């Protein structure tokens, strides 16, 4: 076949095989939610970031966890502590929404609301069970999980076992609810003979909550759908706990009982992933952890003590001292793999002001060999050796600084080193407790 005939044949074939597809209208995605998540073991200062973003938000949501989480926000020198309520509720114009993925201790919810107003579904027996379980772990295995004893594990266990009770059950037929409540309580009493439950007393309290709750409860799926597909709205999702405490991806078994990574947003609010917009990871300028479990960069020395003292590192929920160590970029990179952070908030940079030099964990090795990933197995994680990069400190007070350019040169280099190593931009830098001490870079 001649070149000209081959060309004609190719053109002919293309013409015959090409068809015009009918235009199909793509569905409107609607409003996107902005998500704030912890990138370490919690206590990174998520509340401050949420408070900042909530200033012009319409809705602030909680999607998982319970009152085992604690967020502190300081506004006009007044300190607010939140455990179940989204910390963005300080903005009087915002609607606070607690989604289906959250486990609720109703007495704690109302107590928290009243306590914070003065400043400016889980049951009591779940908390008792949590305490008994921790005691049994200590007696049987010589160690416990270090839970907050707020009943979070037992209530999520009941949910997974399909014996749990939901808010919609409480708000429906109270007689049926009472029967199911008694069955659940009896199951726990048979499992833990030392457990004492005032069944009638708890039911009496719960019945009182029906009146208080009836104007607050909505069908969450329908509420979120309308919020996402109605007029333009700014919707903020406040994650509790953090990536390394996630039930699937954290340092199991020393984790919480919910998904506190980005997937928990969809399952905990009943919304599709296409509506997830910006995902901000909150990172403390060093690393802390409350309770038991592996902590590769922990410092059992003057540095660890200085970070604990200067940072006032005490758990909001438990009151326990936090363990402290150098910033570990291996675990933050792991958190980024799961969550896909679009930007970071780097908090408590000012705590590092007095250090002459600063170490940053950049890789792990086991038996002298580098490992390219964060290990899933706790025994392996306990045995890793951290390789550190050493950076010069800045030896000056940053607490009054309000722009990136005003930061000491070595402080700027510290921030830029983190950005370059992770491949994620730092959007905010925290240099103090108040709302005003969050430096916004872009």
Protein backbone atom coordinates (compact mmCIF):
# COMPACT_ATOMS: atom_id res chain seq x y z
CA UNK A 1 0.00 0.00 0.00
CA UNK A 2 1.38 3.42 -0.96
CA UNK A 3 2.01 6.02 1.74
CA UNK A 4 -0.84 8.19 0.43
CA UNK A 5 -3.33 5.29 0.42
CA UNK A 6 -2.21 4.22 3.94
CA UNK A 7 -2.75 7.78 5.16
CA UNK A 8 -6.23 7.88 3.57
CA UNK A 9 -7.11 4.54 5.18
CA UNK A 10 -5.94 5.68 8.60
CA UNK A 11 -7.96 8.88 8.33
CA UNK A 12 -11.00 6.89 7.13
CA UNK A 13 -10.70 4.46 10.05
CA UNK A 14 -10.40 7.30 12.52
CA UNK A 15 -13.49 8.95 11.07
CA UNK A 16 -15.48 5.71 11.22
CA UNK A 17 -14.40 4.82 14.79
CA UNK A 18 -14.95 8.25 16.29
CA UNK A 19 -18.39 9.09 17.59
CA UNK A 20 -19.79 12.09 19.39
CA UNK A 21 -20.74 11.31 22.97
CA UNK A 22 -23.89 12.92 24.32
CA UNK A 23 -23.32 15.65 26.90
CA UNK A 24 -23.91 14.36 30.43
CA UNK A 25 -24.26 17.00 33.11
CA UNK A 26 -21.98 16.37 36.08
CA UNK A 27 -23.72 16.61 39.44
CA UNK A 28 -22.97 19.67 41.51
CA UNK A 29 -20.55 18.67 44.27
CA UNK A 30 -21.82 21.43 46.54
CA UNK A 31 -20.02 23.00 49.48
CA UNK A 32 -16.74 21.49 50.61
CA UNK A 33 -15.75 21.00 54.22
CA UNK A 34 -12.47 22.12 55.74
CA UNK A 35 -10.95 19.50 58.04
CA UNK A 36 -8.56 19.98 60.96
CA UNK A 37 -6.78 16.82 62.15
CA UNK A 38 -4.05 15.94 64.61
CA UNK A 39 -0.89 14.63 62.96
CA UNK A 40 0.82 13.09 66.02
CA UNK A 41 -0.56 11.53 69.23
CA UNK A 42 -3.01 14.32 70.02
CA UNK A 43 -2.59 17.45 72.14
CA UNK A 44 -1.13 19.35 69.16
CA UNK A 45 -3.30 22.44 69.68
CA UNK A 46 -6.12 21.63 67.24
CA UNK A 47 -8.53 23.75 69.26
CA UNK A 48 -6.57 26.93 68.49
CA UNK A 49 -6.63 26.24 64.74
CA UNK A 50 -10.34 25.41 64.80
CA UNK A 51 -11.06 28.56 66.82
CA UNK A 52 -9.18 30.62 64.23
CA UNK A 53 -11.01 29.09 61.27
CA UNK A 54 -14.36 29.20 63.06
CA UNK A 55 -14.36 33.00 63.10
CA UNK A 56 -16.05 33.05 59.70
CA UNK A 57 -17.54 29.52 59.68
CA UNK A 58 -21.25 28.71 59.53
CA UNK A 59 -21.09 25.15 60.91
CA UNK A 60 -18.45 23.42 63.03
CA UNK A 61 -18.70 19.61 63.28
CA UNK A 62 -17.34 16.83 65.44
CA UNK A 63 -17.22 13.49 63.63
CA UNK A 64 -15.67 10.92 66.02
CA UNK A 65 -14.43 10.23 69.52
CA UNK A 66 -16.12 11.29 72.71
CA UNK A 67 -15.24 13.17 75.87
CA UNK A 68 -11.86 11.44 75.90
CA UNK A 69 -10.68 14.31 73.68
CA UNK A 70 -9.74 17.67 75.13
CA UNK A 71 -9.28 20.97 73.30
CA UNK A 72 -8.23 24.19 75.04
CA UNK A 73 -8.90 27.63 73.55
CA UNK A 74 -7.84 30.96 75.07
CA UNK A 75 -9.83 34.07 74.07
CA UNK A 76 -9.38 37.44 75.80
CA UNK A 77 -7.35 35.71 78.55
CA UNK A 78 -10.25 33.34 79.29
CA UNK A 79 -9.44 29.62 78.97
CA UNK A 80 -12.15 27.31 77.61
CA UNK A 81 -11.91 23.51 77.78
CA UNK A 82 -13.91 21.40 75.34
CA UNK A 83 -14.38 17.64 75.32
CA UNK A 84 -17.60 16.92 73.41
CA UNK A 85 -18.61 20.32 72.07
CA UNK A 86 -16.73 21.52 68.98
CA UNK A 87 -14.32 24.23 70.16
CA UNK A 88 -15.52 26.49 67.32
CA UNK A 89 -18.71 27.03 69.33
CA UNK A 90 -17.09 30.10 70.91
CA UNK A 91 -18.18 31.98 67.77
CA UNK A 92 -21.79 32.91 68.67
CA UNK A 93 -22.84 32.82 64.99
CA UNK A 94 -21.69 29.25 64.38
CA UNK A 95 -23.89 26.12 64.52
CA UNK A 96 -22.22 23.27 66.40
CA UNK A 97 -23.04 19.83 64.96
CA UNK A 98 -22.11 16.54 66.64
CA UNK A 99 -22.25 13.73 64.07
CA UNK A 100 -23.18 10.06 64.25
CA UNK A 101 -19.55 8.97 64.68
CA UNK A 102 -19.31 10.61 68.11
CA UNK A 103 -20.15 8.72 71.31
CA UNK A 104 -22.02 10.92 73.77
CA UNK A 105 -22.06 10.92 77.56
CA UNK A 106 -25.12 13.10 78.09
CA UNK A 107 -24.36 14.28 81.65
CA UNK A 108 -20.88 15.28 80.46
CA UNK A 109 -22.28 17.16 77.47
CA UNK A 110 -24.63 19.35 79.52
CA UNK A 111 -22.08 19.84 82.30
CA UNK A 112 -19.53 21.02 79.73
CA UNK A 113 -22.00 23.43 78.14
CA UNK A 114 -22.94 24.94 81.52
CA UNK A 115 -19.32 25.17 82.67
CA UNK A 116 -18.20 27.04 79.56
CA UNK A 117 -21.28 29.29 79.61
CA UNK A 118 -20.32 30.39 83.11
CA UNK A 119 -16.95 31.36 81.69
CA UNK A 120 -18.20 33.21 78.87
CA UNK A 121 -24.70 8.16 73.54
CA UNK A 122 -22.74 6.86 76.26
CA UNK A 123 -23.98 5.84 79.77
CA UNK A 124 -22.48 6.13 83.26
CA UNK A 125 -21.95 2.36 83.37
CA UNK A 126 -19.74 2.50 80.25
CA UNK A 127 -17.31 4.63 82.26
CA UNK A 128 -17.47 2.17 85.17
CA UNK A 129 -16.78 -0.72 82.74
CA UNK A 130 -13.77 1.15 81.33
CA UNK A 131 -12.29 1.38 84.84
CA UNK A 132 -12.90 -2.30 85.57
CA UNK A 133 -11.35 -3.34 82.23
CA UNK A 134 -8.21 -1.29 82.93
CA UNK A 135 -7.91 -2.87 86.38
CA UNK A 136 -8.26 -6.36 84.90
CA UNK A 137 -5.59 -5.65 82.26
CA UNK A 138 -3.22 -4.52 85.01
CA UNK A 139 -3.88 -7.63 87.12
CA UNK A 140 -3.78 -10.14 84.25
CA UNK A 141 -1.03 -8.77 81.98
CA UNK A 142 0.88 -6.47 84.31
CA UNK A 143 0.02 -3.41 82.23
CA UNK A 144 -3.02 -1.51 81.02
CA UNK A 145 -3.77 0.56 77.91
CA UNK A 146 -3.70 3.91 79.68
CA UNK A 147 -7.24 4.85 78.66
CA UNK A 148 -8.95 8.02 79.87
CA UNK A 149 -11.58 5.85 81.67
CA UNK A 150 -14.31 7.89 80.00
CA UNK A 151 -16.08 4.79 78.68
CA UNK A 152 -15.03 5.30 75.06
CA UNK A 153 -13.79 1.75 74.37
CA UNK A 154 -16.80 -0.01 75.92
CA UNK A 155 -19.36 2.12 74.07
CA UNK A 156 -17.64 1.66 70.68
CA UNK A 157 -17.44 -2.07 71.47
CA UNK A 158 -21.20 -2.11 72.08
CA UNK A 159 -21.71 -0.25 68.79
CA UNK A 160 -19.62 -2.83 66.89
CA UNK A 161 -21.45 -5.67 68.64
CA UNK A 162 -24.77 -4.07 67.54
CA UNK A 163 -26.02 -3.91 71.11
CA UNK A 164 -25.39 -0.17 71.52
CA UNK A 165 -28.11 2.42 71.94
CA UNK A 166 -28.30 5.59 69.86
CA UNK A 167 -29.78 9.03 70.37
CA UNK A 168 -32.58 8.18 67.93
CA UNK A 169 -33.50 5.22 70.19
CA UNK A 170 -33.68 7.48 73.24
CA UNK A 171 -35.86 9.99 71.38
CA UNK A 172 -38.29 7.36 70.07
CA UNK A 173 -40.14 4.92 72.37
CA UNK A 174 -38.73 5.25 75.89
CA UNK A 175 -40.31 1.97 77.02
CA UNK A 176 -38.50 0.03 74.29
CA UNK A 177 -35.33 2.01 74.99
CA UNK A 178 -35.56 1.08 78.69
CA UNK A 179 -35.87 -2.63 77.90
CA UNK A 180 -32.83 -2.57 75.64
CA UNK A 181 -30.90 -0.52 78.22
CA UNK A 182 -31.64 -3.14 80.91
CA UNK A 183 -30.46 -5.96 78.61
CA UNK A 184 -27.21 -4.11 77.86
CA UNK A 185 -26.61 -3.36 81.55
CA UNK A 186 -27.27 -7.01 82.46
CA UNK A 187 -24.76 -8.16 79.85
CA UNK A 188 -22.06 -5.98 81.42
CA UNK A 189 -22.95 -7.16 84.94
CA UNK A 190 -22.60 -10.80 83.87
CA UNK A 191 -19.22 -10.04 82.29
CA UNK A 192 -17.95 -8.01 85.27
CA UNK A 193 -19.45 -9.35 88.54
CA UNK A 194 -17.97 -6.48 90.60
CA UNK A 195 -19.76 -3.88 88.46
CA UNK A 196 -22.56 -2.02 90.24
CA UNK A 197 -25.14 -0.28 88.01
CA UNK A 198 -28.05 1.81 89.27
CA UNK A 199 -30.31 0.89 86.34
CA UNK A 200 -33.41 2.72 87.54
CA UNK A 201 -31.39 5.77 88.51
CA UNK A 202 -29.69 6.00 85.12
CA UNK A 203 -32.98 5.53 83.26
CA UNK A 204 -34.58 8.28 85.34
CA UNK A 205 -31.77 10.69 84.39
CA UNK A 206 -31.97 9.68 80.75
CA UNK A 207 -35.71 10.30 80.63
CA UNK A 208 -35.10 13.85 81.87
CA UNK A 209 -32.66 14.39 78.98
CA UNK A 210 -35.35 13.63 76.40
CA UNK A 211 -36.98 17.02 77.04
CA UNK A 212 -33.66 18.85 76.95
CA UNK A 213 -32.58 17.16 73.73
CA UNK A 214 -35.71 17.16 71.60
CA UNK A 215 -35.09 20.60 70.06
CA UNK A 216 -31.41 19.77 69.41
CA UNK A 217 -31.65 16.39 67.65
CA UNK A 218 -31.88 16.23 63.85
CA UNK A 219 -31.47 13.55 61.21
CA UNK A 220 -27.74 13.98 60.67
CA UNK A 221 -27.59 12.68 57.10
CA UNK A 222 -30.34 14.99 55.89
CA UNK A 223 -28.91 17.93 57.87
CA UNK A 224 -25.45 17.51 56.32
CA UNK A 225 -26.86 16.98 52.82
CA UNK A 226 -28.81 20.23 53.04
CA UNK A 227 -25.76 22.05 54.41
CA UNK A 228 -23.57 20.73 51.59
CA UNK A 229 -26.04 21.35 48.77
CA UNK A 230 -27.86 24.46 49.93
CA UNK A 231 -26.60 28.06 49.78
CA UNK A 232 -22.81 28.59 50.08
CA UNK A 233 -21.66 27.77 53.60
CA UNK A 234 -18.31 27.46 55.34
CA UNK A 235 -18.30 24.08 57.08
CA UNK A 236 -15.48 23.14 59.42
CA UNK A 237 -14.77 19.64 60.79
CA UNK A 238 -12.82 19.34 64.00
CA UNK A 239 -11.01 16.05 64.43
CA UNK A 240 -10.48 14.64 67.92
CA UNK A 241 -7.40 12.64 69.00
CA UNK A 242 -4.87 12.22 66.16
CA UNK A 243 -3.51 10.01 63.39
CA UNK A 244 -1.26 7.86 65.60
CA UNK A 245 -4.25 7.13 67.86
CA UNK A 246 -6.48 5.92 65.00
CA UNK A 247 -8.03 2.49 65.67
CA UNK A 248 -6.77 1.18 62.29
CA UNK A 249 -3.64 3.21 61.57
CA UNK A 250 -2.37 4.20 65.00
CA UNK A 251 0.09 2.50 67.36
CA UNK A 252 -2.30 -0.36 68.13
CA UNK A 253 -3.35 -1.42 70.75
CA UNK A 254 -2.44 1.86 72.46
CA UNK A 255 -4.97 3.82 70.43
CA UNK A 256 -8.45 5.25 70.71
CA UNK A 257 -11.56 3.39 69.48
CA UNK A 258 -12.51 5.52 66.47
CA UNK A 259 -11.07 6.58 63.11
CA UNK A 260 -9.46 9.94 63.75
CA UNK A 261 -7.93 10.14 60.27
CA UNK A 262 -9.65 11.73 57.27
CA UNK A 263 -11.86 8.70 56.50
CA UNK A 264 -13.62 9.22 59.82
CA UNK A 265 -14.99 12.52 58.49
CA UNK A 266 -17.14 10.73 55.89
CA UNK A 267 -18.31 7.87 58.11
CA UNK A 268 -18.77 10.11 61.14
CA UNK A 269 -20.91 12.71 59.38
CA UNK A 270 -22.54 10.69 56.59
CA UNK A 271 -21.06 12.68 53.71
CA UNK A 272 -19.27 11.68 50.49
CA UNK A 273 -15.49 12.12 50.08
CA UNK A 274 -15.98 14.49 47.13
CA UNK A 275 -17.09 17.13 49.64
CA UNK A 276 -13.81 17.05 51.56
CA UNK A 277 -11.84 20.18 50.70
CA UNK A 278 -8.78 21.44 52.59
CA UNK A 279 -7.28 19.02 55.12
CA UNK A 280 -5.09 20.78 57.66
CA UNK A 281 -2.72 18.74 59.82
CA UNK A 282 -1.79 20.16 63.21
CA UNK A 283 1.78 19.45 64.32
CA UNK A 284 3.43 20.42 67.58
CA UNK A 285 6.99 21.77 67.11
CA UNK A 286 8.14 18.81 69.18
CA UNK A 287 6.38 15.50 70.02
CA UNK A 288 4.27 14.54 73.03
CA UNK A 289 2.25 11.54 74.08
CA UNK A 290 -0.06 10.81 77.01
CA UNK A 291 -0.24 7.28 78.39
CA UNK A 292 1.40 4.05 77.34
CA UNK A 293 2.86 2.96 73.99
CA UNK A 294 5.93 3.29 71.79
CA UNK A 295 7.47 6.75 71.44
CA UNK A 296 10.72 6.55 69.42
CA UNK A 297 11.88 10.17 69.86
CA UNK A 298 11.02 10.44 73.59
CA UNK A 299 13.71 12.17 75.66
CA UNK A 300 14.39 10.84 79.17
CA UNK A 301 16.66 13.74 80.00
CA UNK A 302 16.84 17.49 80.62
CA UNK A 303 15.41 18.20 77.16
CA UNK A 304 12.31 16.10 77.83
CA UNK A 305 11.87 17.77 81.22
CA UNK A 306 12.34 21.26 79.76
CA UNK A 307 9.74 20.64 77.05
CA UNK A 308 7.30 19.25 79.61
CA UNK A 309 7.79 22.20 81.98
CA UNK A 310 7.94 25.07 79.46
CA UNK A 311 5.13 23.59 77.39
CA UNK A 312 2.95 22.93 80.47
CA UNK A 313 2.42 19.49 79.02
CA UNK A 314 -0.46 18.08 81.05
CA UNK A 315 -3.42 16.26 79.44
CA UNK A 316 -6.61 18.36 79.26
CA UNK A 317 -8.83 15.33 79.90
CA UNK A 318 -6.69 13.18 82.19
CA UNK A 319 -4.46 15.66 84.01
CA UNK A 320 -1.54 13.30 83.36
CA UNK A 321 1.90 14.64 82.47
CA UNK A 322 2.67 14.23 78.77
CA UNK A 323 5.80 12.41 77.67
CA UNK A 324 7.99 14.70 75.55
CA UNK A 325 10.57 14.30 72.79
CA UNK A 326 12.00 15.75 69.61
CA UNK A 327 9.89 16.35 66.51
CA UNK A 328 9.55 13.06 64.61
CA UNK A 329 9.07 13.65 60.87
CA UNK A 330 8.83 9.91 60.14
CA UNK A 331 5.49 9.64 61.93
CA UNK A 332 4.22 12.95 60.48
CA UNK A 333 5.07 11.75 56.98
CA UNK A 334 3.13 8.57 57.79
CA UNK A 335 0.15 10.68 58.94
CA UNK A 336 0.39 12.64 55.68
CA UNK A 337 0.30 9.41 53.63
CA UNK A 338 -3.08 8.59 55.20
CA UNK A 339 -4.64 12.05 55.39
CA UNK A 340 -3.20 13.93 52.41
CA UNK A 341 -2.63 17.19 54.28
CA UNK A 342 -2.96 20.27 52.09
CA UNK A 343 -1.17 22.42 54.69
CA UNK A 344 0.12 22.26 58.25
CA UNK A 345 -0.28 24.28 61.41
CA UNK A 346 2.94 24.18 63.46
CA UNK A 347 2.14 24.97 67.10
CA UNK A 348 4.16 25.82 70.24
CA UNK A 349 7.26 26.99 68.38
CA UNK A 350 7.92 29.40 71.26
CA UNK A 351 8.60 26.47 73.62
CA UNK A 352 11.81 25.83 71.65
CA UNK A 353 13.08 29.41 72.14
CA UNK A 354 15.69 28.54 74.80
CA UNK A 355 17.28 25.50 73.13
CA UNK A 356 20.83 26.03 71.77
CA UNK A 357 20.31 23.26 69.23
CA UNK A 358 17.30 21.26 68.06
CA UNK A 359 17.13 17.71 66.80
CA UNK A 360 14.60 16.44 64.28
CA UNK A 361 13.90 12.74 63.68
CA UNK A 362 14.24 12.04 59.95
CA UNK A 363 14.47 8.24 59.61
CA UNK A 364 14.30 4.94 61.50
CA UNK A 365 16.61 1.96 61.49
CA UNK A 366 16.27 -1.55 62.93
CA UNK A 367 19.40 -3.63 63.57
CA UNK A 368 21.43 -1.05 61.65
CA UNK A 369 19.24 -1.11 58.54
CA UNK A 370 17.05 1.82 57.52
CA UNK A 371 13.36 1.04 57.13
CA UNK A 372 11.41 3.02 54.53
CA UNK A 373 8.12 3.15 56.42
CA UNK A 374 6.52 3.59 59.83
CA UNK A 375 6.27 0.08 61.34
CA UNK A 376 2.83 -1.30 62.16
CA UNK A 377 4.05 -3.76 64.78
CA UNK A 378 4.50 -2.35 68.30
CA UNK A 379 7.45 -4.58 69.13
CA UNK A 380 9.30 -3.37 66.02
CA UNK A 381 8.43 0.26 66.79
CA UNK A 382 9.77 -0.16 70.33
CA UNK A 383 13.12 -1.26 68.93
CA UNK A 384 13.68 1.35 66.20
CA UNK A 385 16.62 3.71 66.39
CA UNK A 386 15.90 7.27 65.29
CA UNK A 387 18.32 9.10 63.01
CA UNK A 388 18.33 12.82 63.75
CA UNK A 389 19.22 15.98 61.89
CA UNK A 390 20.63 18.67 64.20
CA UNK A 391 19.63 22.28 63.58
CA UNK A 392 20.81 25.43 65.39
CA UNK A 393 18.46 27.01 67.91
CA UNK A 394 17.57 30.72 67.92
CA UNK A 395 17.88 31.63 71.60
CA UNK A 396 15.36 34.46 71.51
CA UNK A 397 11.76 35.08 72.56
CA UNK A 398 9.25 34.55 69.72
CA UNK A 399 6.04 34.92 71.77
CA UNK A 400 5.34 38.51 70.68
CA UNK A 401 6.12 37.93 66.98
CA UNK A 402 3.18 38.13 64.57
CA UNK A 403 4.72 37.64 61.09
CA UNK A 404 6.98 34.98 59.58
CA UNK A 405 9.58 37.54 58.48
CA UNK A 406 9.99 38.75 62.07
CA UNK A 407 10.97 35.28 63.29
CA UNK A 408 14.69 34.73 64.00
CA UNK A 409 16.54 33.33 61.01
CA UNK A 410 17.10 29.93 62.63
CA UNK A 411 13.43 29.68 63.56
CA UNK A 412 12.54 30.34 59.93
CA UNK A 413 15.03 27.66 58.85
CA UNK A 414 13.44 25.20 61.27
CA UNK A 415 10.01 25.78 59.72
CA UNK A 416 11.37 25.58 56.17
CA UNK A 417 13.24 22.36 56.98
CA UNK A 418 9.97 20.76 58.09
CA UNK A 419 8.18 21.94 54.93
CA UNK A 420 10.93 20.66 52.64
CA UNK A 421 11.21 17.26 54.33
CA UNK A 422 7.45 16.63 54.28
CA UNK A 423 6.57 18.34 51.01
CA UNK A 424 3.68 20.13 52.73
CA UNK A 425 3.49 23.90 53.29
CA UNK A 426 3.19 25.36 56.80
CA UNK A 427 0.23 27.76 56.82
CA UNK A 428 0.21 28.75 60.50
CA UNK A 429 2.81 28.97 63.27
CA UNK A 430 1.77 29.11 66.91
CA UNK A 431 3.94 31.11 69.34
CA UNK A 432 1.59 31.27 72.33
CA UNK A 433 -1.75 30.25 73.84
CA UNK A 434 -4.00 33.05 72.60
CA UNK A 435 -5.86 33.40 69.32
CA UNK A 436 -3.64 36.36 68.39
CA UNK A 437 -0.44 34.32 68.68
CA UNK A 438 -1.16 32.22 65.56
CA UNK A 439 1.02 33.56 62.73
CA UNK A 440 -0.65 33.06 59.33
CA UNK A 441 1.83 32.74 56.46
CA UNK A 442 -0.56 32.51 53.49
